[in-house]
Amino acid sequence: MIIDAHKFYAIIFEKINMECRICKTKLRRQILDLGVSPPANAFITREDLNKPEVWYPLRLLVCDKCFLVQTEDFVGRENLFTPDYAYFSSYSDIWLMHAKKYVEMVIRQLNLSKDSLVVEIGSNDGYLLQYFKEFGIPCYGVEPTHLVAETARSKGIDTVEEFFGLGLAEMLARKRGQADLIVANNVLAHVPDLRDFVSGVKVLLKSQGIATFEFQYIVPLVKDGLFDTIYHEHFSYFSFSSVKYLFEEVGLSCFDVELLSTHGGSLRVYVKHNENGELEVSERVNQFLEREREEGVLSLDFYEGLQSKVERIKLDFLDFLIECKRQGKRVAGYGAAAKGNTLFNYCGIKRDFIEFVVDRNPFKQGKFLPGSRIPILSPEFLKTELPDYVLIIPWNIAEEIVTQLNDLRNCGVKFFKAIPGISIY
């Protein structure tokens, strides 16, 4: 007997008592199943190699009311963003340049001065706030992970080591005052309780202040099958329509939006208090909303083909690696990024296909990728080992990496990426 796929998943989700993180509608629609995987940033130490790992289902669901795309709740944020969490924004030159340009732009736009206050939520290692500090503008960050918070403090960046939410925002507003500018880059996706988070932004923001949010855009993710950006610590994936709905739920308004090239396509959204009549709503707001309606983003049909796209990418990647193996070619990876762990674990990649991965981050070197147990080494190993191919795992900064390692190309090493398809440099 052939079972209709939609009916099959409807039966499954009847047993999953999960509500949408924005509108609280019961979730019933799965759009992608990546099997099971350990948390993408749970790197393995040599001492723990003989210990078991915990693997969790990794699936994407979409709300049929507000169309927020989201993962299921399996791992609490405290188990994902641990004290030794080792993602450092400052190891990408392109990202630092992106941050610096933003700071220079927003200082001009808001006329920020030594009398202003800037707060960054998810401030990581101080990659962005260091530029506000250079301009003499008072600022501090909120960063819950100890290792990166300590790194920010070593740069002189005042950092509150806590998870952000309404309770913390009320305390900060009372003790430190409200902010003229709140920045939240690539943090909204990491928030399990979205309403609590944006309610905190509302409390901490001055009546005439603005907040900016950057996050990966769901449209290119679905269109191009960028599935490696899906992992357990990314709880939500936003369209402009869904994020606008989220802010409106707590009394905030999106008054401008920009499409960015970062992470395969991101949005920068500008937010204000509803009562702030000084800032006019940009024409781009309605243009974006209309574009999403035309593309069908507010329809379940838009998300239906994602699974087949992802399976095609998987098969093409495996075909490439198998052919390399048959020809006796050696393959390594560059960048121990979380997206690589989703890619490897979904495709079943181990050391038989990828011998090792290198990374500039010394806190990752000497450890092993979760799931695949592929060792992480210093980039210097590429020069001594000279593999035939190097997979660029953080494909969003591929041009930067290829430029940095251009001398290896002169030695015959070829660079390639697997997402959204095999592409050799």
Protein backbone atom coordinates (compact mmCIF):
# COMPACT_ATOMS: atom_id res chain seq x y z
CA MET A 1 0.00 0.00 0.00
CA ILE A 2 1.35 3.44 -0.98
CA ILE A 3 1.05 6.05 1.77
CA ASP A 4 0.66 9.71 0.79
CA ALA A 5 3.69 11.61 2.15
CA HIS A 6 1.64 14.52 3.52
CA LYS A 7 -0.71 12.14 5.35
CA PHE A 8 2.29 10.23 6.71
CA TYR A 9 3.89 13.38 8.15
CA ALA A 10 0.51 14.54 9.46
CA ILE A 11 0.37 11.33 11.50
CA ILE A 12 3.88 11.95 12.82
CA PHE A 13 3.24 15.56 13.80
CA GLU A 14 0.03 14.70 15.62
CA LYS A 15 2.44 13.30 18.23
CA ILE A 16 4.72 16.34 18.19
CA ASN A 17 3.22 18.93 20.48
CA MET A 18 5.15 21.91 19.15
CA GLU A 19 3.81 25.38 18.50
CA CYS A 20 5.16 28.06 16.17
CA ARG A 21 7.70 30.28 17.90
CA ILE A 22 5.90 33.41 16.69
CA CYS A 23 2.16 32.83 16.39
CA LYS A 24 1.77 29.68 18.56
CA THR A 25 0.00 27.75 15.80
CA LYS A 26 0.44 23.98 16.09
CA LEU A 27 3.09 22.87 13.59
CA ARG A 28 2.11 20.14 11.15
CA ARG A 29 4.21 20.68 8.01
CA GLN A 30 7.69 19.22 7.60
CA ILE A 31 9.68 20.52 4.63
CA LEU A 32 13.09 18.91 5.20
CA ASP A 33 14.48 15.86 7.00
CA LEU A 34 18.26 15.75 7.46
CA GLY A 35 18.24 12.60 9.55
CA VAL A 36 20.05 12.77 12.88
CA SER A 37 23.09 14.76 13.90
CA PRO A 38 24.97 15.85 17.03
CA PRO A 39 24.96 19.58 17.81
CA ALA A 40 27.05 21.23 15.10
CA ASN A 41 29.45 23.04 17.43
CA ALA A 42 29.94 20.19 19.92
CA PHE A 43 33.56 19.58 18.92
CA ILE A 44 35.20 16.45 20.31
CA THR A 45 38.39 16.54 22.37
CA ARG A 46 40.98 13.80 22.08
CA GLU A 47 40.12 12.67 25.62
CA ASP A 48 36.47 12.17 24.61
CA LEU A 49 37.06 10.21 21.41
CA ASN A 50 36.07 6.94 23.06
CA LYS A 51 32.89 8.39 24.55
CA PRO A 52 29.47 8.34 22.85
CA GLU A 53 27.83 11.40 21.33
CA VAL A 54 24.17 12.38 21.55
CA TRP A 55 22.49 12.66 18.16
CA TYR A 56 19.18 14.43 17.63
CA PRO A 57 16.73 14.52 14.71
CA LEU A 58 17.33 17.52 12.44
CA ARG A 59 14.18 18.53 10.61
CA LEU A 60 12.63 21.75 9.31
CA LEU A 61 8.99 22.63 9.84
CA VAL A 62 7.01 25.55 8.47
CA CYS A 63 4.08 27.30 10.13
CA ASP A 64 1.04 27.39 7.87
CA LYS A 65 -0.14 30.67 9.40
CA CYS A 66 2.88 33.04 9.65
CA PHE A 67 5.24 30.85 7.55
CA LEU A 68 8.13 30.92 9.99
CA VAL A 69 10.51 28.06 9.15
CA GLN A 70 11.89 26.41 12.28
CA THR A 71 13.61 23.38 13.73
CA GLU A 72 12.12 21.20 16.44
CA ASP A 73 12.96 21.68 20.09
CA PHE A 74 15.39 18.97 21.15
CA VAL A 75 18.36 20.72 22.76
CA GLY A 76 18.14 23.59 25.26
CA ARG A 77 20.18 26.69 24.50
CA GLU A 78 22.41 26.11 27.55
CA ASN A 79 23.48 22.78 26.02
CA LEU A 80 24.25 24.42 22.67
CA PHE A 81 25.92 27.66 23.74
CA THR A 82 28.26 26.20 26.32
CA PRO A 83 31.09 28.07 28.13
CA ASP A 84 33.65 26.61 25.69
CA TYR A 85 31.61 27.51 22.57
CA ALA A 86 34.32 28.21 20.03
CA TYR A 87 32.80 30.30 17.23
CA PHE A 88 34.82 33.50 16.82
CA SER A 89 33.62 36.10 14.32
CA SER A 90 37.01 37.80 14.04
CA TYR A 91 38.62 34.95 12.06
CA SER A 92 36.94 36.13 8.86
CA ASP A 93 38.48 39.22 7.27
CA ILE A 94 35.40 39.70 5.09
CA TRP A 95 33.12 39.66 8.12
CA LEU A 96 35.33 42.20 9.91
CA MET A 97 35.15 44.46 6.85
CA HIS A 98 31.37 44.02 6.80
CA ALA A 99 31.17 45.02 10.48
CA LYS A 100 33.42 48.06 10.03
CA LYS A 101 31.39 49.35 7.07
CA TYR A 102 28.19 48.95 9.07
CA VAL A 103 29.62 50.91 12.01
CA GLU A 104 30.78 53.77 9.81
CA MET A 105 27.41 53.87 8.05
CA VAL A 106 25.23 53.80 11.15
CA ILE A 107 27.32 56.41 12.98
CA ARG A 108 26.69 58.82 10.11
CA GLN A 109 23.04 57.88 9.80
CA LEU A 110 22.22 58.30 13.50
CA ASN A 111 24.77 61.00 14.34
CA LEU A 112 26.12 58.84 17.16
CA SER A 113 28.57 60.48 19.55
CA LYS A 114 30.23 60.10 22.95
CA ASP A 115 26.81 60.88 24.44
CA SER A 116 25.19 57.87 22.73
CA LEU A 117 24.93 54.26 23.86
CA VAL A 118 25.26 51.23 21.61
CA VAL A 119 24.39 47.69 22.74
CA GLU A 120 25.14 44.59 20.70
CA ILE A 121 23.28 41.39 21.52
CA GLY A 122 25.29 38.31 20.66
CA SER A 123 28.45 40.41 20.56
CA ASN A 124 30.75 37.39 20.26
CA ASP A 125 34.46 38.30 20.50
CA GLY A 126 34.01 42.06 20.03
CA TYR A 127 34.37 41.87 16.24
CA LEU A 128 31.92 44.81 15.75
CA LEU A 129 31.97 46.79 18.98
CA GLN A 130 35.72 47.33 18.64
CA TYR A 131 34.96 49.77 15.81
CA PHE A 132 32.47 51.76 17.89
CA LYS A 133 35.12 51.87 20.60
CA GLU A 134 37.64 53.29 18.11
CA PHE A 135 35.21 56.14 17.43
CA GLY A 136 34.86 56.81 21.16
CA ILE A 137 31.20 55.82 21.28
CA PRO A 138 30.09 54.17 24.55
CA CYS A 139 29.08 50.57 23.98
CA TYR A 140 28.82 47.16 25.55
CA GLY A 141 27.92 43.68 24.43
CA VAL A 142 25.73 40.86 25.66
CA GLU A 143 27.32 37.46 25.04
CA PRO A 144 26.39 34.28 26.97
CA THR A 145 29.37 32.08 26.08
CA HIS A 146 32.34 32.47 28.40
CA LEU A 147 35.23 31.76 26.03
CA VAL A 148 34.30 34.37 23.42
CA ALA A 149 33.12 36.85 26.08
CA GLU A 150 36.57 36.67 27.69
CA THR A 151 38.17 37.29 24.31
CA ALA A 152 36.03 40.41 23.87
CA ARG A 153 37.05 41.66 27.32
CA SER A 154 40.71 41.17 26.40
CA LYS A 155 40.08 43.75 23.64
CA GLY A 156 38.62 46.18 26.18
CA ILE A 157 35.00 45.49 25.22
CA ASP A 158 32.60 45.66 28.16
CA THR A 159 30.62 42.40 27.97
CA VAL A 160 27.63 41.15 29.95
CA GLU A 161 27.91 37.36 30.08
CA GLU A 162 24.23 36.38 30.01
CA PHE A 163 21.51 35.15 27.67
CA PHE A 164 19.42 38.09 26.48
CA GLY A 165 15.71 38.29 27.19
CA LEU A 166 13.07 40.49 28.76
CA GLY A 167 14.31 40.01 32.33
CA LEU A 168 17.90 40.95 31.51
CA ALA A 169 16.73 43.88 29.37
CA GLU A 170 14.74 45.34 32.26
CA MET A 171 17.76 45.10 34.54
CA LEU A 172 20.12 46.65 31.95
CA ALA A 173 17.70 49.50 31.18
CA ARG A 174 17.40 50.24 34.88
CA LYS A 175 21.12 50.09 35.70
CA ARG A 176 22.77 51.25 32.47
CA GLY A 177 20.05 53.22 30.71
CA GLN A 178 18.36 52.62 27.38
CA ALA A 179 20.25 52.34 24.09
CA ASP A 180 20.26 54.67 21.10
CA LEU A 181 21.20 51.71 18.92
CA ILE A 182 20.79 47.99 19.46
CA VAL A 183 22.60 45.65 17.08
CA ALA A 184 21.79 41.95 16.70
CA ASN A 185 23.74 40.28 13.90
CA ASN A 186 23.08 36.60 13.22
CA VAL A 187 21.60 36.08 16.67
CA LEU A 188 17.83 36.06 16.09
CA ALA A 189 18.01 32.58 14.54
CA HIS A 190 19.68 31.31 17.74
CA VAL A 191 16.78 32.36 19.99
CA PRO A 192 14.31 29.69 21.16
CA ASP A 193 11.88 32.19 22.77
CA LEU A 194 11.48 34.87 20.10
CA ARG A 195 8.76 36.86 21.84
CA ASP A 196 10.80 37.14 25.04
CA PHE A 197 13.85 38.27 23.06
CA VAL A 198 12.18 41.00 20.99
CA SER A 199 10.21 42.16 24.04
CA GLY A 200 13.59 42.69 25.69
CA VAL A 201 14.74 44.75 22.70
CA LYS A 202 11.65 46.94 23.06
CA VAL A 203 12.39 47.59 26.75
CA LEU A 204 16.10 48.34 26.23
CA LEU A 205 15.61 50.64 23.23
CA LYS A 206 15.13 54.40 23.69
CA SER A 207 11.86 55.84 22.44
CA GLN A 208 13.68 57.45 19.47
CA GLY A 209 16.31 54.74 19.10
CA ILE A 210 16.63 52.09 16.41
CA ALA A 211 17.60 48.44 16.37
CA THR A 212 19.08 46.56 13.43
CA PHE A 213 18.93 42.82 12.89
CA GLU A 214 20.83 40.74 10.37
CA PHE A 215 19.91 37.13 9.66
CA GLN A 216 20.06 34.59 6.87
CA TYR A 217 17.19 35.02 4.43
CA ILE A 218 14.94 32.00 3.94
CA VAL A 219 14.29 32.68 0.23
CA PRO A 220 17.77 31.81 -1.14
CA LEU A 221 18.03 28.97 1.38
CA VAL A 222 14.93 27.34 -0.10
CA LYS A 223 15.59 28.27 -3.73
CA ASP A 224 19.22 27.08 -3.75
CA GLY A 225 18.94 24.29 -1.19
CA LEU A 226 21.46 25.79 1.25
CA PHE A 227 20.78 23.07 3.79
CA ASP A 228 24.19 23.13 5.50
CA THR A 229 23.15 26.33 7.30
CA ILE A 230 20.56 24.25 9.17
CA TYR A 231 21.60 22.96 12.58
CA HIS A 232 20.12 22.64 16.04
CA GLU A 233 21.34 26.00 17.35
CA HIS A 234 19.53 27.74 14.48
CA PHE A 235 16.00 27.57 15.82
CA SER A 236 14.33 29.77 13.18
CA TYR A 237 14.72 30.89 9.56
CA PHE A 238 13.02 34.11 8.54
CA SER A 239 11.35 35.74 5.60
CA PHE A 240 10.79 39.48 5.83
CA SER A 241 7.07 38.83 6.21
CA SER A 242 7.54 36.53 9.20
CA VAL A 243 10.04 38.74 11.01
CA LYS A 244 7.86 41.82 10.46
CA TYR A 245 4.96 39.92 12.01
CA LEU A 246 7.18 39.00 14.98
CA PHE A 247 8.13 42.60 15.76
CA GLU A 248 4.58 43.84 15.35
CA GLU A 249 3.46 41.33 17.99
CA VAL A 250 5.42 43.27 20.67
CA GLY A 251 4.84 46.84 19.43
CA LEU A 252 7.88 47.36 17.20
CA SER A 253 7.86 48.39 13.54
CA CYS A 254 10.14 47.49 10.64
CA PHE A 255 10.79 50.77 8.84
CA ASP A 256 13.51 49.67 6.40
CA VAL A 257 15.09 46.50 5.00
CA GLU A 258 18.15 45.67 2.91
CA LEU A 259 19.21 42.54 1.06
CA LEU A 260 22.84 41.60 1.85
CA SER A 261 25.18 39.12 0.20
CA THR A 262 26.39 37.57 3.46
CA HIS A 263 25.67 33.89 4.21
CA GLY A 264 24.34 33.26 0.73
CA GLY A 265 21.76 36.02 1.17
CA SER A 266 20.79 37.87 4.34
CA LEU A 267 18.45 40.63 5.39
CA ARG A 268 19.25 43.68 7.47
CA VAL A 269 16.05 44.94 9.09
CA TYR A 270 15.70 48.34 10.77
CA VAL A 271 13.28 48.48 13.69
CA LYS A 272 11.75 51.30 15.76
CA HIS A 273 9.07 51.80 18.39
CA ASN A 274 5.57 52.10 16.94
CA GLU A 275 5.24 55.52 18.60
CA ASN A 276 8.34 56.89 16.87
CA GLY A 277 6.86 59.09 14.15
CA GLU A 278 10.16 60.76 13.22
CA LEU A 279 11.34 57.81 11.11
CA GLU A 280 9.39 57.30 7.91
CA VAL A 281 8.77 53.83 6.56
CA SER A 282 10.94 53.17 3.51
CA GLU A 283 9.38 52.18 0.20
CA ARG A 284 11.56 49.06 0.38
CA VAL A 285 9.33 47.64 3.10
CA ASN A 286 6.28 47.31 0.85
CA GLN A 287 8.49 46.33 -2.10
CA PHE A 288 9.92 43.42 -0.13
CA LEU A 289 6.52 42.31 1.08
CA GLU A 290 5.12 42.43 -2.46
CA ARG A 291 8.13 40.55 -3.83
CA GLU A 292 7.65 37.78 -1.27
CA ARG A 293 3.96 37.52 -2.13
CA GLU A 294 4.83 37.24 -5.83
CA GLU A 295 7.43 34.55 -5.14
CA GLY A 296 4.92 32.57 -3.09
CA VAL A 297 6.77 32.80 0.22
CA LEU A 298 3.40 32.95 2.00
CA SER A 299 2.37 29.64 0.46
CA LEU A 300 3.26 26.09 1.46
CA ASP A 301 4.00 25.30 -2.19
CA PHE A 302 7.12 27.49 -2.02
CA TYR A 303 8.77 25.08 0.44
CA GLU A 304 7.68 21.77 -1.10
CA GLY A 305 10.72 21.13 -3.32
CA LEU A 306 13.42 21.69 -0.71
CA GLN A 307 13.89 18.01 0.17
CA SER A 308 14.51 16.97 -3.44
CA LYS A 309 17.01 19.83 -3.97
CA VAL A 310 18.94 18.79 -0.89
CA GLU A 311 19.00 15.13 -1.92
CA ARG A 312 20.38 16.10 -5.34
CA ILE A 313 23.19 18.12 -3.71
CA LYS A 314 23.99 15.16 -1.46
CA LEU A 315 24.20 12.73 -4.36
CA ASP A 316 26.38 15.06 -6.44
CA PHE A 317 28.74 15.59 -3.50
CA LEU A 318 29.04 11.87 -2.83
CA ASP A 319 29.58 11.14 -6.53
CA PHE A 320 32.43 13.65 -6.58
CA LEU A 321 34.11 12.21 -3.48
CA ILE A 322 33.70 8.63 -4.68
CA GLU A 323 35.29 9.50 -8.01
CA CYS A 324 38.19 11.20 -6.19
CA LYS A 325 38.62 8.04 -4.12
CA ARG A 326 38.62 5.80 -7.19
CA GLN A 327 41.31 7.97 -8.78
CA GLY A 328 43.45 7.94 -5.63
CA LYS A 329 42.97 11.67 -5.03
CA ARG A 330 43.28 13.03 -1.50
CA VAL A 331 40.64 15.45 -0.18
CA ALA A 332 40.86 17.78 2.84
CA GLY A 333 38.59 20.51 4.12
CA TYR A 334 39.10 24.17 5.02
CA GLY A 335 37.14 25.70 7.89
CA ALA A 336 35.67 23.73 10.80
CA ALA A 337 32.38 25.58 10.43
CA ALA A 338 29.08 24.29 11.79
CA LYS A 339 27.72 24.10 8.26
CA GLY A 340 30.36 21.46 7.46
CA ASN A 341 29.11 19.26 10.26
CA THR A 342 25.57 19.35 8.90
CA LEU A 343 26.92 18.53 5.44
CA PHE A 344 29.15 15.67 6.58
CA ASN A 345 26.68 14.04 8.94
CA TYR A 346 23.78 14.21 6.49
CA CYS A 347 25.94 12.74 3.74
CA GLY A 348 27.61 10.17 5.99
CA ILE A 349 31.12 11.53 5.38
CA LYS A 350 33.98 10.22 7.52
CA ARG A 351 37.79 10.21 7.24
CA ASP A 352 37.65 7.77 4.35
CA PHE A 353 36.52 10.68 2.16
CA ILE A 354 37.81 13.80 3.98
CA GLU A 355 41.20 13.11 5.61
CA PHE A 356 41.33 16.22 7.79
CA VAL A 357 40.00 19.76 8.12
CA VAL A 358 42.05 22.87 8.87
CA ASP A 359 40.93 26.01 10.67
CA ARG A 360 42.53 29.32 11.70
CA ASN A 361 40.84 29.21 15.09
CA PRO A 362 43.34 27.79 17.63
CA PHE A 363 40.48 26.83 19.96
CA LYS A 364 39.28 24.31 17.36
CA GLN A 365 42.69 22.95 16.39
CA GLY A 366 43.49 19.59 17.96
CA LYS A 367 39.80 18.71 18.28
CA PHE A 368 37.55 16.58 16.08
CA LEU A 369 34.38 17.35 14.16
CA PRO A 370 31.21 16.09 15.88
CA GLY A 371 29.77 12.98 14.30
CA SER A 372 32.37 12.43 11.59
CA ARG A 373 35.32 12.61 14.05
CA ILE A 374 37.48 14.19 11.33
CA PRO A 375 40.54 15.86 12.94
CA ILE A 376 40.93 19.66 12.92
CA LEU A 377 44.46 20.87 12.22
CA SER A 378 46.29 24.12 11.62
CA PRO A 379 46.19 25.54 8.06
CA GLU A 380 49.95 24.92 7.91
CA PHE A 381 49.18 21.23 7.37
CA LEU A 382 47.84 22.02 3.90
CA LYS A 383 51.33 23.15 2.87
CA THR A 384 52.99 19.97 4.15
CA GLU A 385 50.30 17.49 3.06
CA LEU A 386 49.33 19.10 -0.29
CA PRO A 387 46.04 17.25 -0.86
CA ASP A 388 44.68 17.13 -4.39
CA TYR A 389 41.42 18.87 -3.43
CA VAL A 390 40.38 21.17 -0.60
CA LEU A 391 36.68 21.52 0.18
CA ILE A 392 35.85 25.07 1.23
CA ILE A 393 33.33 24.43 3.97
CA PRO A 394 32.37 28.07 4.77
CA TRP A 395 31.45 28.69 1.13
CA ASN A 396 30.07 32.12 2.05
CA ILE A 397 33.68 33.39 2.36
CA ALA A 398 35.16 31.19 -0.37
CA GLU A 399 36.78 34.05 -2.28
CA GLU A 400 38.61 35.19 0.86
CA ILE A 401 39.90 31.68 1.54
CA VAL A 402 41.04 31.03 -2.02
CA THR A 403 42.92 34.35 -2.02
CA GLN A 404 44.62 33.51 1.30
CA LEU A 405 45.75 30.11 0.00
CA ASN A 406 46.59 31.09 -3.54
CA ASP A 407 50.17 29.75 -3.21
CA LEU A 408 48.71 26.24 -2.80
CA ARG A 409 47.01 26.53 -6.16
CA ASN A 410 50.43 27.05 -7.69
CA CYS A 411 51.37 23.67 -6.18
CA GLY A 412 48.47 21.97 -7.95
CA VAL A 413 45.94 21.98 -5.10
CA LYS A 414 42.39 22.53 -6.32
CA PHE A 415 39.69 24.19 -4.23
CA PHE A 416 36.01 23.38 -4.52
CA LYS A 417 32.69 23.90 -2.76
CA ALA A 418 29.72 21.55 -2.54
CA ILE A 419 26.86 23.97 -1.84
CA PRO A 420 24.64 24.60 -3.77
CA GLY A 421 26.55 22.31 -6.15
CA ILE A 422 30.06 21.17 -7.00
CA SER A 423 32.11 24.17 -8.13
CA ILE A 424 35.89 23.96 -8.64
CA TYR A 425 38.01 27.11 -8.42
